[in-house]
Amino acid sequence: MTNDVVQDMVSGRDRSVIPSVAASMTSQVRAGVRSLVAQLCSVGSGAIAALRVLAPLVWIASVVPGDAAWAAPWTVSVDERNGMPTIGIGGGPAMTTEFVFWGRNWRWADTVPAFRVVSPFDYTMTAQNTLLGLEMRGTIRKQSERQLRIELEIDARQSQANVIGGGLSFRFDLPKGARQLGEPELLPGNAGLAWGRQQSSRIEVRFDPPPASVFFERGSKSEVRAFFFGGEIPQGVRRHVVTVDTSGDFKIVPTVEERYGSSDSRSWPTGLLFDSAIAPWNIAPVDLSFLNATERPAG
């Protein structure tokens, strides 16, 4: 920003440059504001008028930490229901992951998961599937700013034949992401799936070893299923490593519990306001009687 431009804004001769300053804030937020403030201070009394005009831009610059805050709308986190990966944009989900299993003749086999935060970006999960006799255990960790790693162990207590099988279902909200990311795609050799464009914002979910099958459910690009078992479930333990790699505008973020604390209400105090001798129902927690002491009725 030149001295002439600053002088024009200060004098009021040219306010048309303000929108361009706002647009450039995303790439030069710190340097631009420092330079602008320094030059305004050297102008004199007219700087007050300019600062009134530019106050919103100065405020934006003060609260935005850097370019990444403007350019990272896509978030990747861990679903607190089951420990599996989820994608978000604008505060809402763009991809969710669930366990799906079926027994014989498409009988639904419910999976009951549990999730725990061990430490920041370090999680564990367990899941039980009673109908198919499956126990699942997993650890989930953030390996780097661009990768999550899930180590999943599936223990089949007994062999099962003539079952549909199952595994993970990835469901996409395509209206939210198709314009920027395109449609999801399957990786060769049942290795996994991807969503996004090469050399741009993209997420890849890879399985090692590959599951039995990875496919679009009924050909729809809005759901990808990765089946660990198909047709039969052999007795024993099966292990898979699932890596979630991101690039571009994707950012791995903590879970809601990590950001705001646990929602477990079992340790919350009870009975303080209504059923406790500490604070009976007709006594306010804070004594405010002095506010109307001079207007209290006689008696």
Protein backbone atom coordinates (compact mmCIF):
# COMPACT_ATOMS: atom_id res chain seq x y z
CA MET A 1 0.00 0.00 0.00
CA THR A 2 1.54 3.31 -1.09
CA ASN A 3 1.58 6.60 0.78
CA ASP A 4 -0.60 8.12 -1.95
CA VAL A 5 -3.30 5.53 -1.37
CA VAL A 6 -3.26 6.15 2.37
CA GLN A 7 -3.43 9.91 1.83
CA ASP A 8 -6.42 9.47 -0.50
CA MET A 9 -8.27 7.41 2.10
CA VAL A 10 -7.46 9.80 4.90
CA SER A 11 -8.55 12.86 2.94
CA GLY A 12 -11.70 11.15 1.73
CA ARG A 13 -10.77 11.65 -1.91
CA ASP A 14 -10.86 7.95 -2.70
CA ARG A 15 -12.68 5.35 -0.61
CA SER A 16 -12.95 2.87 -3.48
CA VAL A 17 -9.72 1.22 -2.43
CA ILE A 18 -11.25 -0.04 0.83
CA PRO A 19 -12.88 -3.15 -0.73
CA SER A 20 -9.56 -4.09 -2.32
CA VAL A 21 -7.86 -3.73 1.04
CA ALA A 22 -10.45 -6.07 2.54
CA ALA A 23 -9.86 -8.62 -0.19
CA SER A 24 -6.12 -8.55 0.34
CA MET A 25 -6.41 -9.10 4.07
CA THR A 26 -6.45 -12.85 3.61
CA SER A 27 -2.93 -12.95 2.22
CA GLN A 28 -1.21 -9.97 3.83
CA VAL A 29 -3.10 -9.53 7.05
CA ARG A 30 -0.25 -8.89 9.45
CA ALA A 31 2.16 -6.93 7.31
CA GLY A 32 -0.61 -4.86 5.78
CA VAL A 33 -2.12 -3.78 9.08
CA ARG A 34 1.21 -2.90 10.63
CA SER A 35 2.14 -0.79 7.62
CA LEU A 36 -1.28 0.86 7.49
CA VAL A 37 -1.33 1.81 11.15
CA ALA A 38 2.20 3.15 11.01
CA GLN A 39 1.43 5.32 8.00
CA LEU A 40 -1.85 6.58 9.44
CA CYS A 41 -0.12 7.62 12.62
CA SER A 42 2.32 9.72 10.59
CA VAL A 43 -0.44 11.53 8.69
CA GLY A 44 -1.91 13.56 11.52
CA SER A 45 -5.42 14.52 12.51
CA GLY A 46 -6.98 13.07 9.38
CA ALA A 47 -5.96 9.61 10.55
CA ILE A 48 -8.90 9.51 12.94
CA ALA A 49 -11.38 9.66 10.07
CA ALA A 50 -9.54 6.93 8.20
CA LEU A 51 -9.40 4.71 11.24
CA ARG A 52 -13.18 4.98 11.59
CA VAL A 53 -13.55 3.75 8.02
CA LEU A 54 -11.01 0.97 8.42
CA ALA A 55 -12.00 -0.11 11.93
CA PRO A 56 -13.81 -3.29 10.71
CA LEU A 57 -10.76 -4.34 8.70
CA VAL A 58 -8.42 -3.71 11.61
CA TRP A 59 -10.70 -5.80 13.85
CA ILE A 60 -10.70 -8.66 11.31
CA ALA A 61 -6.93 -8.54 11.16
CA SER A 62 -6.66 -8.69 14.94
CA VAL A 63 -8.78 -11.83 15.34
CA VAL A 64 -7.62 -13.83 12.31
CA PRO A 65 -4.38 -15.67 13.13
CA GLY A 66 -3.22 -16.10 9.56
CA ASP A 67 -4.02 -17.24 6.06
CA ALA A 68 -4.96 -20.77 7.10
CA ALA A 69 -8.03 -19.57 8.96
CA TRP A 70 -9.50 -18.33 5.68
CA ALA A 71 -8.46 -21.27 3.53
CA ALA A 72 -9.36 -24.36 5.61
CA PRO A 73 -13.12 -24.91 5.55
CA TRP A 74 -12.85 -28.73 5.54
CA THR A 75 -12.32 -30.48 8.86
CA VAL A 76 -11.43 -34.10 9.61
CA SER A 77 -12.10 -35.51 13.05
CA VAL A 78 -13.07 -38.67 14.90
CA ASP A 79 -16.71 -39.57 15.42
CA GLU A 80 -17.37 -39.69 19.16
CA ARG A 81 -19.93 -42.45 18.65
CA ASN A 82 -17.57 -45.04 17.19
CA GLY A 83 -14.05 -43.62 16.71
CA MET A 84 -14.23 -43.65 12.93
CA PRO A 85 -13.31 -40.69 10.66
CA THR A 86 -15.74 -37.92 9.84
CA ILE A 87 -15.55 -34.86 7.56
CA GLY A 88 -17.17 -31.54 8.34
CA ILE A 89 -17.72 -28.22 6.61
CA GLY A 90 -19.40 -25.10 7.92
CA GLY A 91 -20.10 -26.79 11.25
CA GLY A 92 -22.06 -29.67 9.71
CA PRO A 93 -21.12 -33.19 8.60
CA ALA A 94 -20.09 -33.84 4.99
CA MET A 95 -19.08 -37.49 5.55
CA THR A 96 -19.94 -39.89 8.36
CA THR A 97 -18.77 -43.44 9.03
CA GLU A 98 -20.71 -46.26 10.67
CA PHE A 99 -20.35 -49.99 11.29
CA VAL A 100 -22.77 -52.04 9.20
CA PHE A 101 -23.21 -55.83 9.42
CA TRP A 102 -25.84 -58.33 8.30
CA GLY A 103 -26.36 -61.98 9.09
CA ARG A 104 -28.17 -64.53 6.95
CA ASN A 105 -30.89 -63.31 4.60
CA TRP A 106 -30.00 -59.66 5.27
CA ARG A 107 -30.87 -59.84 8.94
CA TRP A 108 -29.51 -56.68 10.51
CA ALA A 109 -26.70 -57.34 13.02
CA ASP A 110 -26.47 -54.35 15.30
CA THR A 111 -23.07 -53.13 16.44
CA VAL A 112 -22.79 -51.31 19.77
CA PRO A 113 -19.68 -49.09 19.88
CA ALA A 114 -17.99 -47.21 22.73
CA PHE A 115 -15.45 -44.42 22.45
CA ARG A 116 -12.96 -42.81 24.83
CA VAL A 117 -10.56 -39.88 24.65
CA VAL A 118 -7.23 -40.93 26.18
CA SER A 119 -5.37 -37.67 25.55
CA PRO A 120 -5.41 -34.99 22.84
CA PHE A 121 -5.69 -36.73 19.45
CA ASP A 122 -5.31 -40.14 21.10
CA TYR A 123 -8.42 -42.32 21.32
CA THR A 124 -9.65 -45.86 21.85
CA MET A 125 -12.83 -47.61 20.75
CA THR A 126 -14.55 -50.92 21.30
CA ALA A 127 -17.60 -52.46 19.65
CA GLN A 128 -19.74 -55.53 20.19
CA ASN A 129 -21.79 -57.40 17.62
CA THR A 130 -23.73 -60.10 19.44
CA LEU A 131 -25.49 -61.67 16.48
CA LEU A 132 -22.28 -62.34 14.55
CA GLY A 133 -20.11 -62.93 17.63
CA LEU A 134 -17.70 -60.08 16.85
CA GLU A 135 -15.62 -58.02 19.27
CA MET A 136 -13.76 -55.01 17.91
CA ARG A 137 -11.03 -52.94 19.48
CA GLY A 138 -9.21 -49.98 18.04
CA THR A 139 -6.75 -47.19 18.70
CA ILE A 140 -6.93 -43.92 16.81
CA ARG A 141 -4.09 -41.39 16.78
CA LYS A 142 -3.11 -38.29 14.91
CA GLN A 143 0.22 -39.16 13.30
CA SER A 144 0.88 -35.73 11.79
CA GLU A 145 -0.94 -32.59 10.75
CA ARG A 146 -2.06 -34.51 7.66
CA GLN A 147 -2.72 -38.06 8.85
CA LEU A 148 -4.91 -40.09 11.21
CA ARG A 149 -4.06 -43.74 11.86
CA ILE A 150 -6.59 -46.32 13.04
CA GLU A 151 -5.45 -49.75 14.19
CA LEU A 152 -8.51 -51.98 14.20
CA GLU A 153 -8.71 -55.50 15.58
CA ILE A 154 -11.73 -57.72 14.88
CA ASP A 155 -12.12 -60.89 16.94
CA ALA A 156 -14.60 -63.45 15.62
CA ARG A 157 -15.40 -65.86 18.45
CA GLN A 158 -16.83 -68.46 16.09
CA SER A 159 -17.12 -69.15 12.38
CA GLN A 160 -20.20 -67.93 10.54
CA ALA A 161 -21.30 -69.22 7.12
CA ASN A 162 -23.82 -67.92 4.59
CA VAL A 163 -23.93 -64.43 6.05
CA ILE A 164 -23.95 -61.12 4.19
CA GLY A 165 -21.05 -59.82 6.28
CA GLY A 166 -20.21 -56.18 6.63
CA GLY A 167 -17.72 -53.57 7.76
CA LEU A 168 -17.77 -49.77 7.41
CA SER A 169 -20.18 -47.48 5.58
CA PHE A 170 -18.96 -44.05 4.46
CA ARG A 171 -21.84 -41.71 3.68
CA PHE A 172 -21.27 -38.47 1.79
CA ASP A 173 -23.37 -35.32 1.65
CA LEU A 174 -22.59 -34.63 -2.00
CA PRO A 175 -24.52 -31.33 -2.29
CA LYS A 176 -22.10 -29.90 0.29
CA GLY A 177 -18.91 -31.05 -1.36
CA ALA A 178 -19.37 -32.06 -5.00
CA ARG A 179 -18.61 -28.59 -6.37
CA GLN A 180 -15.26 -28.34 -4.61
CA LEU A 181 -14.25 -31.98 -4.28
CA GLY A 182 -16.09 -33.74 -7.09
CA GLU A 183 -17.41 -37.25 -6.49
CA PRO A 184 -15.85 -39.92 -4.26
CA GLU A 185 -13.77 -42.55 -6.00
CA LEU A 186 -12.61 -46.08 -5.22
CA LEU A 187 -8.90 -46.82 -4.97
CA PRO A 188 -7.54 -49.74 -7.05
CA GLY A 189 -7.34 -53.20 -5.53
CA ASN A 190 -9.96 -52.59 -2.83
CA ALA A 191 -7.36 -50.39 -1.11
CA GLY A 192 -9.90 -47.82 0.02
CA LEU A 193 -11.54 -44.63 -1.19
CA ALA A 194 -10.80 -40.97 -1.89
CA TRP A 195 -12.69 -37.71 -2.09
CA GLY A 196 -11.20 -34.62 -3.69
CA ARG A 197 -9.04 -33.62 -6.60
CA GLN A 198 -5.44 -34.53 -7.28
CA GLN A 199 -2.93 -31.79 -6.37
CA SER A 200 -5.68 -30.01 -4.44
CA SER A 201 -7.92 -30.55 -1.42
CA ARG A 202 -8.28 -34.32 -1.05
CA ILE A 203 -8.79 -37.03 1.54
CA GLU A 204 -7.80 -40.68 1.09
CA VAL A 205 -8.84 -43.57 3.34
CA ARG A 206 -6.60 -46.63 2.85
CA PHE A 207 -6.85 -50.11 4.36
CA ASP A 208 -3.89 -52.41 5.00
CA PRO A 209 -4.50 -55.18 4.24
CA PRO A 210 -7.37 -54.39 1.85
CA PRO A 211 -10.81 -55.53 3.01
CA ALA A 212 -12.77 -58.20 1.17
CA SER A 213 -14.56 -55.60 -0.99
CA VAL A 214 -14.97 -51.83 -1.40
CA PHE A 215 -17.90 -50.65 -3.52
CA PHE A 216 -20.51 -47.97 -4.12
CA GLU A 217 -23.78 -49.06 -2.55
CA ARG A 218 -26.15 -49.75 -5.45
CA GLY A 219 -23.92 -47.64 -7.65
CA SER A 220 -24.63 -44.46 -5.68
CA LYS A 221 -21.69 -42.11 -5.17
CA SER A 222 -23.20 -40.96 -1.88
CA GLU A 223 -22.23 -44.16 -0.02
CA VAL A 224 -19.11 -46.33 -0.08
CA ARG A 225 -19.04 -49.64 1.80
CA ALA A 226 -15.87 -51.43 2.85
CA PHE A 227 -16.69 -55.02 3.85
CA PHE A 228 -14.21 -56.85 6.06
CA PHE A 229 -16.25 -60.03 5.61
CA GLY A 230 -18.42 -61.31 2.81
CA GLY A 231 -20.25 -64.64 2.68
CA GLU A 232 -18.49 -66.12 5.68
CA ILE A 233 -16.70 -65.02 8.83
CA PRO A 234 -13.76 -67.24 9.83
CA GLN A 235 -13.01 -67.70 13.50
CA GLY A 236 -10.03 -65.76 14.80
CA VAL A 237 -8.57 -62.27 14.93
CA ARG A 238 -8.28 -60.01 11.90
CA ARG A 239 -6.31 -56.76 11.98
CA HIS A 240 -6.52 -53.76 9.68
CA VAL A 241 -4.65 -50.47 9.68
CA VAL A 242 -6.72 -47.60 8.31
CA THR A 243 -4.84 -44.43 7.39
CA VAL A 244 -6.62 -41.16 6.64
CA ASP A 245 -4.40 -38.84 4.61
CA THR A 246 -5.37 -35.25 3.83
CA SER A 247 -4.09 -32.45 1.61
CA GLY A 248 -5.03 -28.92 0.62
CA ASP A 249 -7.73 -27.24 2.69
CA PHE A 250 -8.41 -30.23 4.93
CA LYS A 251 -7.49 -29.78 8.59
CA ILE A 252 -7.50 -32.41 11.34
CA VAL A 253 -9.32 -31.01 14.37
CA PRO A 254 -10.02 -32.28 17.91
CA THR A 255 -13.31 -33.79 18.99
CA VAL A 256 -16.04 -31.79 20.70
CA GLU A 257 -15.13 -33.37 24.05
CA GLU A 258 -11.51 -32.28 23.66
CA ARG A 259 -12.57 -28.72 22.89
CA TYR A 260 -15.36 -28.25 25.42
CA GLY A 261 -14.99 -31.03 27.99
CA SER A 262 -16.86 -34.21 28.70
CA SER A 263 -20.66 -34.26 28.55
CA ASP A 264 -20.82 -36.97 31.23
CA SER A 265 -23.29 -35.57 33.77
CA ARG A 266 -22.83 -38.30 36.37
CA SER A 267 -20.42 -36.15 38.38
CA TRP A 268 -22.58 -33.01 38.23
CA PRO A 269 -23.97 -31.82 41.60
CA THR A 270 -27.69 -32.39 42.06
CA GLY A 271 -30.39 -30.97 44.28
CA LEU A 272 -28.71 -27.65 44.93
CA LEU A 273 -31.66 -25.47 43.98
CA PHE A 274 -34.84 -27.32 44.88
CA ASP A 275 -34.38 -30.43 47.01
CA SER A 276 -31.42 -29.57 49.18
CA ALA A 277 -31.16 -28.06 52.62
CA ILE A 278 -28.30 -25.98 51.23
CA ALA A 279 -30.65 -24.01 48.99
CA PRO A 280 -34.38 -24.62 49.58
CA TRP A 281 -36.84 -23.79 46.83
CA ASN A 282 -37.83 -20.43 48.33
CA ILE A 283 -34.30 -19.09 48.79
CA ALA A 284 -32.31 -17.69 45.88
CA PRO A 285 -28.71 -18.89 45.46
CA VAL A 286 -27.65 -15.23 45.75
CA ASP A 287 -29.21 -12.90 48.33
CA LEU A 288 -30.76 -10.03 46.39
CA SER A 289 -33.15 -8.90 49.07
CA PHE A 290 -31.32 -5.60 49.50
CA LEU A 291 -32.54 -4.50 46.08
CA ASN A 292 -36.08 -3.89 47.36
CA ALA A 293 -35.35 -3.44 51.05
CA THR A 294 -36.76 0.09 51.09
CA GLU A 295 -40.00 -1.00 49.37
CA ARG A 296 -40.73 -4.10 51.41
CA PRO A 297 -44.39 -4.14 52.57
CA ALA A 298 -45.19 -3.86 56.25
CA GLY A 299 -45.85 -7.00 58.24
